Amino acid sequence: MIERKHNINPQAGVVQIIFSYSRADVRRWMRVYVLEACAPDGLREDEASRTAVTEVNFIRWLCCHPLAFCAIEEPWSGQLGRWAFTQAVTLGYLAEVEDKPGYYRLTPKALKLQ
């Protein structure tokens, strides 16, 4: 995440900060997602690679996670979540399950992030 405006006037009635997100942020969120899925009390790596998640559930995870968009209000958090999901698919971290349209699995590329 890149913050584009650094100085906030404490006397101002309105303040504005602009953030930019990139592939690096998506990679970081995917690493957190994989680490949580494969945590010692979570799934093993082979189970995590077979577990499918819907776009809605993945976006919900992003919108509720403190390292992603939990501090951002709707509708922006949802829009950012959809963007991050699309990037995760485009970058090859999530792949649609062939026999279950609308469900996505972690790819070997994603599992290497842990």
PDB file of N, CA and C in Angstrom:
ATOM      1  N   MET A   1       0.854  -1.161   0.000  1.00  0.00           N
ATOM      2  CA  MET A   1       0.000   0.000   0.000  1.00  0.00           C
ATOM      3  C   MET A   1       0.904   1.227   0.000  1.00  0.00           C
ATOM      4  N   ILE A   2       0.571   2.153  -0.828  1.00  0.00           N
ATOM      5  CA  ILE A   2       1.307   3.396  -0.935  1.00  0.00           C
ATOM      6  C   ILE A   2       0.382   4.521  -0.512  1.00  0.00           C
ATOM      7  N   GLU A   3       0.811   5.287   0.463  1.00  0.00           N
ATOM      8  CA  GLU A   3       0.048   6.463   0.860  1.00  0.00           C
ATOM      9  C   GLU A   3       0.524   7.621  -0.004  1.00  0.00           C
ATOM     10  N   ARG A   4      -0.404   8.298  -0.643  1.00  0.00           N
ATOM     11  CA  ARG A   4      -0.047   9.352  -1.580  1.00  0.00           C
ATOM     12  C   ARG A   4       0.008  10.738  -0.965  1.00  0.00           C
ATOM     13  N   LYS A   5      -0.568  10.918   0.198  1.00  0.00           N
ATOM     14  CA  LYS A   5      -0.557  12.231   0.831  1.00  0.00           C
ATOM     15  C   LYS A   5      -0.101  12.038   2.273  1.00  0.00           C
ATOM     16  N   HIS A   6       0.945  12.757   2.670  1.00  0.00           N
ATOM     17  CA  HIS A   6       1.565  12.475   3.964  1.00  0.00           C
ATOM     18  C   HIS A   6       1.248  13.486   5.061  1.00  0.00           C
ATOM     19  N   ASN A   7       0.970  14.706   4.707  1.00  0.00           N
ATOM     20  CA  ASN A   7       0.768  15.737   5.723  1.00  0.00           C
ATOM     21  C   ASN A   7      -0.712  16.031   5.930  1.00  0.00           C
ATOM     22  N   ILE A   8      -1.146  15.921   7.181  1.00  0.00           N
ATOM     23  CA  ILE A   8      -2.527  16.234   7.520  1.00  0.00           C
ATOM     24  C   ILE A   8      -2.513  17.463   8.427  1.00  0.00           C
ATOM     25  N   ASN A   9      -3.223  18.476   8.022  1.00  0.00           N
ATOM     26  CA  ASN A   9      -3.328  19.701   8.810  1.00  0.00           C
ATOM     27  C   ASN A   9      -4.315  19.441   9.956  1.00  0.00           C
ATOM     28  N   PRO A  10      -3.868  19.498  11.215  1.00  0.00           N
ATOM     29  CA  PRO A  10      -4.772  19.224  12.334  1.00  0.00           C
ATOM     30  C   PRO A  10      -5.887  20.264  12.477  1.00  0.00           C
ATOM     31  N   GLN A  11      -5.762  21.393  11.830  1.00  0.00           N
ATOM     32  CA  GLN A  11      -6.778  22.443  11.896  1.00  0.00           C
ATOM     33  C   GLN A  11      -7.829  22.316  10.794  1.00  0.00           C
ATOM     34  N   ALA A  12      -7.599  21.443   9.828  1.00  0.00           N
ATOM     35  CA  ALA A  12      -8.505  21.326   8.684  1.00  0.00           C
ATOM     36  C   ALA A  12      -9.840  20.716   9.103  1.00  0.00           C
ATOM     37  N   GLY A  13     -10.913  21.169   8.465  1.00  0.00           N
ATOM     38  CA  GLY A  13     -12.238  20.611   8.715  1.00  0.00           C
ATOM     39  C   GLY A  13     -12.444  19.287   8.003  1.00  0.00           C
ATOM     40  N   VAL A  14     -11.743  19.075   6.921  1.00  0.00           N
ATOM     41  CA  VAL A  14     -11.817  17.844   6.133  1.00  0.00           C
ATOM     42  C   VAL A  14     -10.396  17.425   5.781  1.00  0.00           C
ATOM     43  N   VAL A  15     -10.110  16.144   5.918  1.00  0.00           N
ATOM     44  CA  VAL A  15      -8.802  15.621   5.526  1.00  0.00           C
ATOM     45  C   VAL A  15      -8.996  14.524   4.495  1.00  0.00           C
ATOM     46  N   GLN A  16      -7.981  14.320   3.693  1.00  0.00           N
ATOM     47  CA  GLN A  16      -8.063  13.309   2.643  1.00  0.00           C
ATOM     48  C   GLN A  16      -6.725  12.602   2.531  1.00  0.00           C
ATOM     49  N   ILE A  17      -6.772  11.293   2.473  1.00  0.00           N
ATOM     50  CA  ILE A  17      -5.587  10.481   2.241  1.00  0.00           C
ATOM     51  C   ILE A  17      -5.921   9.557   1.084  1.00  0.00           C
ATOM     52  N   ILE A  18      -5.024   9.449   0.138  1.00  0.00           N
ATOM     53  CA  ILE A  18      -5.242   8.578  -1.016  1.00  0.00           C
ATOM     54  C   ILE A  18      -4.288   7.392  -0.897  1.00  0.00           C
ATOM     55  N   PHE A  19      -4.830   6.183  -1.024  1.00  0.00           N
ATOM     56  CA  PHE A  19      -4.046   4.957  -0.975  1.00  0.00           C
ATOM     57  C   PHE A  19      -4.032   4.316  -2.353  1.00  0.00           C
ATOM     58  N   SER A  20      -2.937   3.656  -2.662  1.00  0.00           N
ATOM     59  CA  SER A  20      -2.838   2.878  -3.888  1.00  0.00           C
ATOM     60  C   SER A  20      -2.476   1.449  -3.510  1.00  0.00           C
ATOM     61  N   TYR A  21      -3.153   0.489  -4.100  1.00  0.00           N
ATOM     62  CA  TYR A  21      -2.847  -0.920  -3.880  1.00  0.00           C
ATOM     63  C   TYR A  21      -2.293  -1.504  -5.168  1.00  0.00           C
ATOM     64  N   SER A  22      -1.409  -2.504  -5.035  1.00  0.00           N
ATOM     65  CA  SER A  22      -0.769  -3.098  -6.200  1.00  0.00           C
ATOM     66  C   SER A  22      -0.694  -4.612  -6.059  1.00  0.00           C
ATOM     67  N   ARG A  23      -0.029  -5.233  -7.021  1.00  0.00           N
ATOM     68  CA  ARG A  23       0.189  -6.683  -6.988  1.00  0.00           C
ATOM     69  C   ARG A  23       0.895  -7.114  -5.702  1.00  0.00           C
ATOM     70  N   ALA A  24       1.784  -6.271  -5.224  1.00  0.00           N
ATOM     71  CA  ALA A  24       2.512  -6.605  -3.997  1.00  0.00           C
ATOM     72  C   ALA A  24       1.557  -6.761  -2.817  1.00  0.00           C
ATOM     73  N   ASP A  25       0.536  -5.928  -2.764  1.00  0.00           N
ATOM     74  CA  ASP A  25      -0.461  -6.040  -1.695  1.00  0.00           C
ATOM     75  C   ASP A  25      -1.272  -7.321  -1.844  1.00  0.00           C
ATOM     76  N   VAL A  26      -1.657  -7.637  -3.073  1.00  0.00           N
ATOM     77  CA  VAL A  26      -2.421  -8.872  -3.320  1.00  0.00           C
ATOM     78  C   VAL A  26      -1.586 -10.076  -2.903  1.00  0.00           C
ATOM     79  N   ARG A  27      -0.313 -10.055  -3.247  1.00  0.00           N
ATOM     80  CA  ARG A  27       0.581 -11.158  -2.877  1.00  0.00           C
ATOM     81  C   ARG A  27       0.656 -11.281  -1.352  1.00  0.00           C
ATOM     82  N   ARG A  28       0.761 -10.166  -0.658  1.00  0.00           N
ATOM     83  CA  ARG A  28       0.832 -10.176   0.813  1.00  0.00           C
ATOM     84  C   ARG A  28      -0.453 -10.738   1.408  1.00  0.00           C
ATOM     85  N   TRP A  29      -1.617 -10.318   0.890  1.00  0.00           N
ATOM     86  CA  TRP A  29      -2.888 -10.839   1.400  1.00  0.00           C
ATOM     87  C   TRP A  29      -3.026 -12.320   1.124  1.00  0.00           C
ATOM     88  N   MET A  30      -2.566 -12.758  -0.048  1.00  0.00           N
ATOM     89  CA  MET A  30      -2.633 -14.189  -0.363  1.00  0.00           C
ATOM     90  C   MET A  30      -1.716 -14.981   0.561  1.00  0.00           C
ATOM     91  N   ARG A  31      -0.571 -14.423   0.885  1.00  0.00           N
ATOM     92  CA  ARG A  31       0.335 -15.103   1.815  1.00  0.00           C
ATOM     93  C   ARG A  31      -0.341 -15.260   3.175  1.00  0.00           C
ATOM     94  N   VAL A  32      -0.985 -14.226   3.663  1.00  0.00           N
ATOM     95  CA  VAL A  32      -1.702 -14.298   4.939  1.00  0.00           C
ATOM     96  C   VAL A  32      -2.821 -15.335   4.845  1.00  0.00           C
ATOM     97  N   TYR A  33      -3.567 -15.322   3.746  1.00  0.00           N
ATOM     98  CA  TYR A  33      -4.666 -16.278   3.557  1.00  0.00           C
ATOM     99  C   TYR A  33      -4.140 -17.717   3.589  1.00  0.00           C
ATOM    100  N   VAL A  34      -3.049 -17.969   2.884  1.00  0.00           N
ATOM    101  CA  VAL A  34      -2.465 -19.313   2.852  1.00  0.00           C
ATOM    102  C   VAL A  34      -1.938 -19.698   4.234  1.00  0.00           C
ATOM    103  N   LEU A  35      -1.263 -18.794   4.899  1.00  0.00           N
ATOM    104  CA  LEU A  35      -0.742 -19.097   6.239  1.00  0.00           C
ATOM    105  C   LEU A  35      -1.866 -19.417   7.213  1.00  0.00           C
ATOM    106  N   GLU A  36      -2.964 -18.699   7.110  1.00  0.00           N
ATOM    107  CA  GLU A  36      -4.105 -18.982   7.985  1.00  0.00           C
ATOM    108  C   GLU A  36      -4.754 -20.319   7.626  1.00  0.00           C
ATOM    109  N   ALA A  37      -4.833 -20.622   6.339  1.00  0.00           N
ATOM    110  CA  ALA A  37      -5.445 -21.885   5.907  1.00  0.00           C
ATOM    111  C   ALA A  37      -4.579 -23.077   6.295  1.00  0.00           C
ATOM    112  N   CYS A  38      -3.264 -22.911   6.260  1.00  0.00           N
ATOM    113  CA  CYS A  38      -2.340 -24.011   6.528  1.00  0.00           C
ATOM    114  C   CYS A  38      -1.725 -23.945   7.918  1.00  0.00           C
ATOM    115  N   ALA A  39      -2.261 -23.110   8.781  1.00  0.00           N
ATOM    116  CA  ALA A  39      -1.721 -22.976  10.138  1.00  0.00           C
ATOM    117  C   ALA A  39      -1.773 -24.325  10.852  1.00  0.00           C
ATOM    118  N   PRO A  40      -0.948 -24.493  11.890  1.00  0.00           N
ATOM    119  CA  PRO A  40      -0.929 -25.768  12.612  1.00  0.00           C
ATOM    120  C   PRO A  40      -2.314 -26.227  13.065  1.00  0.00           C
ATOM    121  N   ASP A  41      -3.178 -25.298  13.430  1.00  0.00           N
ATOM    122  CA  ASP A  41      -4.526 -25.690  13.838  1.00  0.00           C
ATOM    123  C   ASP A  41      -5.511 -25.627  12.668  1.00  0.00           C
ATOM    124  N   GLY A  42      -5.008 -25.319  11.484  1.00  0.00           N
ATOM    125  CA  GLY A  42      -5.849 -25.257  10.291  1.00  0.00           C
ATOM    126  C   GLY A  42      -5.676 -26.503   9.443  1.00  0.00           C
ATOM    127  N   LEU A  43      -5.746 -26.339   8.152  1.00  0.00           N
ATOM    128  CA  LEU A  43      -5.647 -27.452   7.224  1.00  0.00           C
ATOM    129  C   LEU A  43      -4.196 -27.737   6.872  1.00  0.00           C
ATOM    130  N   ARG A  44      -3.934 -28.972   6.492  1.00  0.00           N
ATOM    131  CA  ARG A  44      -2.627 -29.278   5.927  1.00  0.00           C
ATOM    132  C   ARG A  44      -2.583 -28.722   4.517  1.00  0.00           C
ATOM    133  N   GLU A  45      -1.386 -28.594   3.972  1.00  0.00           N
ATOM    134  CA  GLU A  45      -1.226 -27.995   2.643  1.00  0.00           C
ATOM    135  C   GLU A  45      -2.016 -28.741   1.579  1.00  0.00           C
ATOM    136  N   ASP A  46      -2.006 -30.085   1.621  1.00  0.00           N
ATOM    137  CA  ASP A  46      -2.753 -30.835   0.604  1.00  0.00           C
ATOM    138  C   ASP A  46      -4.262 -30.646   0.759  1.00  0.00           C
ATOM    139  N   GLU A  47      -4.729 -30.507   1.991  1.00  0.00           N
ATOM    140  CA  GLU A  47      -6.154 -30.241   2.208  1.00  0.00           C
ATOM    141  C   GLU A  47      -6.509 -28.831   1.760  1.00  0.00           C
ATOM    142  N   ALA A  48      -5.628 -27.884   2.053  1.00  0.00           N
ATOM    143  CA  ALA A  48      -5.865 -26.495   1.653  1.00  0.00           C
ATOM    144  C   ALA A  48      -5.931 -26.367   0.136  1.00  0.00           C
ATOM    145  N   SER A  49      -5.136 -27.151  -0.573  1.00  0.00           N
ATOM    146  CA  SER A  49      -5.148 -27.082  -2.036  1.00  0.00           C
ATOM    147  C   SER A  49      -6.423 -27.672  -2.625  1.00  0.00           C
ATOM    148  N   ARG A  50      -7.113 -28.523  -1.858  1.00  0.00           N
ATOM    149  CA  ARG A  50      -8.360 -29.123  -2.353  1.00  0.00           C
ATOM    150  C   ARG A  50      -9.605 -28.378  -1.883  1.00  0.00           C
ATOM    151  N   THR A  51      -9.464 -27.527  -0.890  1.00  0.00           N
ATOM    152  CA  THR A  51     -10.605 -26.800  -0.352  1.00  0.00           C
ATOM    153  C   THR A  51     -10.980 -25.656  -1.284  1.00  0.00           C
ATOM    154  N   ALA A  52     -12.260 -25.552  -1.593  1.00  0.00           N
ATOM    155  CA  ALA A  52     -12.736 -24.517  -2.513  1.00  0.00           C
ATOM    156  C   ALA A  52     -13.410 -23.392  -1.737  1.00  0.00           C
ATOM    157  N   VAL A  53     -13.259 -22.191  -2.261  1.00  0.00           N
ATOM    158  CA  VAL A  53     -13.859 -21.002  -1.666  1.00  0.00           C
ATOM    159  C   VAL A  53     -14.596 -20.247  -2.766  1.00  0.00           C
ATOM    160  N   THR A  54     -15.697 -19.625  -2.412  1.00  0.00           N
ATOM    161  CA  THR A  54     -16.417 -18.817  -3.396  1.00  0.00           C
ATOM    162  C   THR A  54     -15.832 -17.410  -3.418  1.00  0.00           C
ATOM    163  N   GLU A  55     -16.122 -16.694  -4.474  1.00  0.00           N
ATOM    164  CA  GLU A  55     -15.685 -15.304  -4.581  1.00  0.00           C
ATOM    165  C   GLU A  55     -16.237 -14.488  -3.420  1.00  0.00           C
ATOM    166  N   VAL A  56     -17.504 -14.699  -3.090  1.00  0.00           N
ATOM    167  CA  VAL A  56     -18.145 -13.947  -2.008  1.00  0.00           C
ATOM    168  C   VAL A  56     -17.444 -14.194  -0.677  1.00  0.00           C
ATOM    169  N   ASN A  57     -17.107 -15.446  -0.377  1.00  0.00           N
ATOM    170  CA  ASN A  57     -16.445 -15.755   0.890  1.00  0.00           C
ATOM    171  C   ASN A  57     -15.030 -15.188   0.943  1.00  0.00           C
ATOM    172  N   PHE A  58     -14.328 -15.216  -0.183  1.00  0.00           N
ATOM    173  CA  PHE A  58     -12.984 -14.655  -0.207  1.00  0.00           C
ATOM    174  C   PHE A  58     -13.037 -13.137  -0.012  1.00  0.00           C
ATOM    175  N   ILE A  59     -13.980 -12.488  -0.668  1.00  0.00           N
ATOM    176  CA  ILE A  59     -14.142 -11.039  -0.512  1.00  0.00           C
ATOM    177  C   ILE A  59     -14.523 -10.705   0.926  1.00  0.00           C
ATOM    178  N   ARG A  60     -15.393 -11.511   1.520  1.00  0.00           N
ATOM    179  CA  ARG A  60     -15.781 -11.295   2.925  1.00  0.00           C
ATOM    180  C   ARG A  60     -14.557 -11.405   3.831  1.00  0.00           C
ATOM    181  N   TRP A  61     -13.685 -12.384   3.551  1.00  0.00           N
ATOM    182  CA  TRP A  61     -12.456 -12.523   4.337  1.00  0.00           C
ATOM    183  C   TRP A  61     -11.613 -11.255   4.226  1.00  0.00           C
ATOM    184  N   LEU A  62     -11.430 -10.750   2.998  1.00  0.00           N
ATOM    185  CA  LEU A  62     -10.655  -9.524   2.794  1.00  0.00           C
ATOM    186  C   LEU A  62     -11.281  -8.333   3.525  1.00  0.00           C
ATOM    187  N   CYS A  63     -12.599  -8.224   3.462  1.00  0.00           N
ATOM    188  CA  CYS A  63     -13.292  -7.078   4.073  1.00  0.00           C
ATOM    189  C   CYS A  63     -13.252  -7.121   5.600  1.00  0.00           C
ATOM    190  N   CYS A  64     -13.046  -8.288   6.174  1.00  0.00           N
ATOM    191  CA  CYS A  64     -13.030  -8.430   7.628  1.00  0.00           C
ATOM    192  C   CYS A  64     -11.628  -8.556   8.211  1.00  0.00           C
ATOM    193  N   HIS A  65     -10.633  -8.754   7.371  1.00  0.00           N
ATOM    194  CA  HIS A  65      -9.279  -8.987   7.885  1.00  0.00           C
ATOM    195  C   HIS A  65      -8.588  -7.661   8.216  1.00  0.00           C
ATOM    196  N   PRO A  66      -7.940  -7.591   9.387  1.00  0.00           N
ATOM    197  CA  PRO A  66      -7.293  -6.337   9.780  1.00  0.00           C
ATOM    198  C   PRO A  66      -6.118  -5.933   8.891  1.00  0.00           C
ATOM    199  N   LEU A  67      -5.520  -6.863   8.170  1.00  0.00           N
ATOM    200  CA  LEU A  67      -4.414  -6.524   7.272  1.00  0.00           C
ATOM    201  C   LEU A  67      -4.899  -6.162   5.868  1.00  0.00           C
ATOM    202  N   ALA A  68      -6.201  -6.250   5.645  1.00  0.00           N
ATOM    203  CA  ALA A  68      -6.748  -5.912   4.323  1.00  0.00           C
ATOM    204  C   ALA A  68      -7.666  -4.702   4.445  1.00  0.00           C
ATOM    205  N   PHE A  69      -8.984  -4.911   4.416  1.00  0.00           N
ATOM    206  CA  PHE A  69      -9.914  -3.789   4.273  1.00  0.00           C
ATOM    207  C   PHE A  69     -10.884  -3.605   5.433  1.00  0.00           C
ATOM    208  N   CYS A  70     -10.617  -4.172   6.598  1.00  0.00           N
ATOM    209  CA  CYS A  70     -11.597  -4.088   7.689  1.00  0.00           C
ATOM    210  C   CYS A  70     -11.815  -2.653   8.180  1.00  0.00           C
ATOM    211  N   ALA A  71     -10.848  -1.783   7.981  1.00  0.00           N
ATOM    212  CA  ALA A  71     -11.000  -0.400   8.444  1.00  0.00           C
ATOM    213  C   ALA A  71     -11.660   0.502   7.408  1.00  0.00           C
ATOM    214  N   ILE A  72     -12.013  -0.072   6.270  1.00  0.00           N
ATOM    215  CA  ILE A  72     -12.618   0.705   5.187  1.00  0.00           C
ATOM    216  C   ILE A  72     -14.109   0.387   5.129  1.00  0.00           C
ATOM    217  N   GLU A  73     -14.926   1.406   5.055  1.00  0.00           N
ATOM    218  CA  GLU A  73     -16.379   1.235   5.051  1.00  0.00           C
ATOM    219  C   GLU A  73     -16.880   0.688   3.721  1.00  0.00           C
ATOM    220  N   GLU A  74     -18.072   0.069   3.795  1.00  0.00           N
ATOM    221  CA  GLU A  74     -18.797  -0.299   2.579  1.00  0.00           C
ATOM    222  C   GLU A  74     -19.305   0.977   1.942  1.00  0.00           C
ATOM    223  N   PRO A  75     -19.407   1.078   0.688  1.00  0.00           N
ATOM    224  CA  PRO A  75     -19.253   0.052  -0.332  1.00  0.00           C
ATOM    225  C   PRO A  75     -17.816  -0.111  -0.818  1.00  0.00           C
ATOM    226  N   TRP A  76     -16.890   0.733  -0.315  1.00  0.00           N
ATOM    227  CA  TRP A  76     -15.523   0.717  -0.842  1.00  0.00           C
ATOM    228  C   TRP A  76     -14.782  -0.561  -0.483  1.00  0.00           C
ATOM    229  N   SER A  77     -14.979  -1.076   0.712  1.00  0.00           N
ATOM    230  CA  SER A  77     -14.276  -2.310   1.078  1.00  0.00           C
ATOM    231  C   SER A  77     -14.694  -3.452   0.164  1.00  0.00           C
ATOM    232  N   GLY A  78     -15.979  -3.530  -0.154  1.00  0.00           N
ATOM    233  CA  GLY A  78     -16.451  -4.572  -1.064  1.00  0.00           C
ATOM    234  C   GLY A  78     -15.885  -4.413  -2.465  1.00  0.00           C
ATOM    235  N   GLN A  79     -15.817  -3.181  -2.928  1.00  0.00           N
ATOM    236  CA  GLN A  79     -15.255  -2.932  -4.258  1.00  0.00           C
ATOM    237  C   GLN A  79     -13.762  -3.262  -4.288  1.00  0.00           C
ATOM    238  N   LEU A  80     -13.046  -2.901  -3.226  1.00  0.00           N
ATOM    239  CA  LEU A  80     -11.630  -3.255  -3.144  1.00  0.00           C
ATOM    240  C   LEU A  80     -11.449  -4.770  -3.040  1.00  0.00           C
ATOM    241  N   GLY A  81     -12.342  -5.417  -2.306  1.00  0.00           N
ATOM    242  CA  GLY A  81     -12.291  -6.874  -2.199  1.00  0.00           C
ATOM    243  C   GLY A  81     -12.489  -7.550  -3.538  1.00  0.00           C
ATOM    244  N   ARG A  82     -13.438  -7.058  -4.329  1.00  0.00           N
ATOM    245  CA  ARG A  82     -13.656  -7.619  -5.673  1.00  0.00           C
ATOM    246  C   ARG A  82     -12.435  -7.402  -6.559  1.00  0.00           C
ATOM    247  N   TRP A  83     -11.832  -6.222  -6.437  1.00  0.00           N
ATOM    248  CA  TRP A  83     -10.614  -5.944  -7.209  1.00  0.00           C
ATOM    249  C   TRP A  83      -9.506  -6.921  -6.799  1.00  0.00           C
ATOM    250  N   ALA A  84      -9.299  -7.104  -5.489  1.00  0.00           N
ATOM    251  CA  ALA A  84      -8.241  -7.990  -5.000  1.00  0.00           C
ATOM    252  C   ALA A  84      -8.503  -9.436  -5.422  1.00  0.00           C
ATOM    253  N   PHE A  85      -9.763  -9.866  -5.380  1.00  0.00           N
ATOM    254  CA  PHE A  85     -10.090 -11.215  -5.822  1.00  0.00           C
ATOM    255  C   PHE A  85      -9.743 -11.393  -7.303  1.00  0.00           C
ATOM    256  N   THR A  86     -10.144 -10.441  -8.130  1.00  0.00           N
ATOM    257  CA  THR A  86      -9.857 -10.509  -9.570  1.00  0.00           C
ATOM    258  C   THR A  86      -8.350 -10.558  -9.803  1.00  0.00           C
ATOM    259  N   GLN A  87      -7.600  -9.759  -9.038  1.00  0.00           N
ATOM    260  CA  GLN A  87      -6.143  -9.771  -9.172  1.00  0.00           C
ATOM    261  C   GLN A  87      -5.560 -11.112  -8.740  1.00  0.00           C
ATOM    262  N   ALA A  88      -6.086 -11.702  -7.677  1.00  0.00           N
ATOM    263  CA  ALA A  88      -5.592 -12.998  -7.197  1.00  0.00           C
ATOM    264  C   ALA A  88      -5.786 -14.073  -8.261  1.00  0.00           C
ATOM    265  N   VAL A  89      -6.910 -14.025  -8.962  1.00  0.00           N
ATOM    266  CA  VAL A  89      -7.159 -14.980 -10.048  1.00  0.00           C
ATOM    267  C   VAL A  89      -6.225 -14.680 -11.214  1.00  0.00           C
ATOM    268  N   THR A  90      -6.138 -13.416 -11.605  1.00  0.00           N
ATOM    269  CA  THR A  90      -5.297 -13.009 -12.728  1.00  0.00           C
ATOM    270  C   THR A  90      -3.826 -13.343 -12.481  1.00  0.00           C
ATOM    271  N   LEU A  91      -3.365 -13.161 -11.261  1.00  0.00           N
ATOM    272  CA  LEU A  91      -1.966 -13.421 -10.917  1.00  0.00           C
ATOM    273  C   LEU A  91      -1.679 -14.902 -10.679  1.00  0.00           C
ATOM    274  N   GLY A  92      -2.716 -15.736 -10.705  1.00  0.00           N
ATOM    275  CA  GLY A  92      -2.522 -17.175 -10.592  1.00  0.00           C
ATOM    276  C   GLY A  92      -2.471 -17.724  -9.184  1.00  0.00           C
ATOM    277  N   TYR A  93      -2.992 -17.002  -8.205  1.00  0.00           N
ATOM    278  CA  TYR A  93      -3.040 -17.495  -6.831  1.00  0.00           C
ATOM    279  C   TYR A  93      -4.297 -18.313  -6.558  1.00  0.00           C
ATOM    280  N   LEU A  94      -5.361 -18.013  -7.277  1.00  0.00           N
ATOM    281  CA  LEU A  94      -6.617 -18.754  -7.175  1.00  0.00           C
ATOM    282  C   LEU A  94      -7.005 -19.226  -8.568  1.00  0.00           C
ATOM    283  N   ALA A  95      -7.538 -20.434  -8.644  1.00  0.00           N
ATOM    284  CA  ALA A  95      -7.997 -20.974  -9.921  1.00  0.00           C
ATOM    285  C   ALA A  95      -9.386 -21.564  -9.736  1.00  0.00           C
ATOM    286  N   GLU A  96     -10.247 -21.345 -10.718  1.00  0.00           N
ATOM    287  CA  GLU A  96     -11.609 -21.868 -10.642  1.00  0.00           C
ATOM    288  C   GLU A  96     -11.592 -23.390 -10.731  1.00  0.00           C
ATOM    289  N   VAL A  97     -12.401 -24.020  -9.905  1.00  0.00           N
ATOM    290  CA  VAL A  97     -12.529 -25.480  -9.913  1.00  0.00           C
ATOM    291  C   VAL A  97     -13.267 -25.874 -11.186  1.00  0.00           C
ATOM    292  N   GLU A  98     -12.696 -26.810 -11.936  1.00  0.00           N
ATOM    293  CA  GLU A  98     -13.254 -27.169 -13.242  1.00  0.00           C
ATOM    294  C   GLU A  98     -14.695 -27.669 -13.170  1.00  0.00           C
ATOM    295  N   ASP A  99     -15.000 -28.513 -12.211  1.00  0.00           N
ATOM    296  CA  ASP A  99     -16.338 -29.098 -12.150  1.00  0.00           C
ATOM    297  C   ASP A  99     -17.293 -28.355 -11.214  1.00  0.00           C
ATOM    298  N   LYS A 100     -16.834 -27.228 -10.660  1.00  0.00           N
ATOM    299  CA  LYS A 100     -17.677 -26.424  -9.765  1.00  0.00           C
ATOM    300  C   LYS A 100     -17.528 -24.947 -10.117  1.00  0.00           C
ATOM    301  N   PRO A 101     -18.252 -24.481 -11.097  1.00  0.00           N
ATOM    302  CA  PRO A 101     -18.142 -23.057 -11.454  1.00  0.00           C
ATOM    303  C   PRO A 101     -18.483 -22.158 -10.260  1.00  0.00           C
ATOM    304  N   GLY A 102     -17.705 -21.093 -10.112  1.00  0.00           N
ATOM    305  CA  GLY A 102     -17.925 -20.169  -9.005  1.00  0.00           C
ATOM    306  C   GLY A 102     -17.140 -20.510  -7.756  1.00  0.00           C
ATOM    307  N   TYR A 103     -16.418 -21.633  -7.769  1.00  0.00           N
ATOM    308  CA  TYR A 103     -15.579 -22.037  -6.645  1.00  0.00           C
ATOM    309  C   TYR A 103     -14.117 -21.998  -7.073  1.00  0.00           C
ATOM    310  N   TYR A 104     -13.263 -21.567  -6.146  1.00  0.00           N
ATOM    311  CA  TYR A 104     -11.852 -21.361  -6.460  1.00  0.00           C
ATOM    312  C   TYR A 104     -10.980 -22.079  -5.445  1.00  0.00           C
ATOM    313  N   ARG A 105      -9.834 -22.569  -5.930  1.00  0.00           N
ATOM    314  CA  ARG A 105      -8.866 -23.252  -5.074  1.00  0.00           C
ATOM    315  C   ARG A 105      -7.545 -22.501  -5.093  1.00  0.00           C
ATOM    316  N   LEU A 106      -6.789 -22.700  -4.034  1.00  0.00           N
ATOM    317  CA  LEU A 106      -5.428 -22.172  -3.998  1.00  0.00           C
ATOM    318  C   LEU A 106      -4.589 -22.944  -5.001  1.00  0.00           C
ATOM    319  N   THR A 107      -3.747 -22.252  -5.716  1.00  0.00           N
ATOM    320  CA  THR A 107      -2.871 -22.875  -6.702  1.00  0.00           C
ATOM    321  C   THR A 107      -1.532 -23.217  -6.041  1.00  0.00           C
ATOM    322  N   PRO A 108      -0.725 -24.033  -6.706  1.00  0.00           N
ATOM    323  CA  PRO A 108       0.616 -24.289  -6.180  1.00  0.00           C
ATOM    324  C   PRO A 108       1.420 -22.997  -5.996  1.00  0.00           C
ATOM    325  N   LYS A 109       1.209 -22.022  -6.873  1.00  0.00           N
ATOM    326  CA  LYS A 109       1.879 -20.721  -6.743  1.00  0.00           C
ATOM    327  C   LYS A 109       1.503 -20.066  -5.417  1.00  0.00           C
ATOM    328  N   ALA A 110       0.234 -20.122  -5.042  1.00  0.00           N
ATOM    329  CA  ALA A 110      -0.215 -19.541  -3.771  1.00  0.00           C
ATOM    330  C   ALA A 110       0.364 -20.316  -2.590  1.00  0.00           C
ATOM    331  N   LEU A 111       0.368 -21.633  -2.679  1.00  0.00           N
ATOM    332  CA  LEU A 111       0.860 -22.447  -1.565  1.00  0.00           C
ATOM    333  C   LEU A 111       2.358 -22.247  -1.319  1.00  0.00           C
ATOM    334  N   LYS A 112       3.092 -21.823  -2.335  1.00  0.00           N
ATOM    335  CA  LYS A 112       4.523 -21.539  -2.167  1.00  0.00           C
ATOM    336  C   LYS A 112       4.778 -20.270  -1.358  1.00  0.00           C
ATOM    337  N   LEU A 113       3.750 -19.466  -1.140  1.00  0.00           N
ATOM    338  CA  LEU A 113       3.914 -18.196  -0.430  1.00  0.00           C
ATOM    339  C   LEU A 113       4.144 -18.376   1.067  1.00  0.00           C
ATOM    340  N   GLN A 114       3.805 -19.548   1.607  1.00  0.00           N
ATOM    341  CA  GLN A 114       3.913 -19.713   3.064  1.00  0.00           C
ATOM    342  C   GLN A 114       5.332 -19.844   3.552  1.00  0.00           C
TER     343      GLN A 114
END
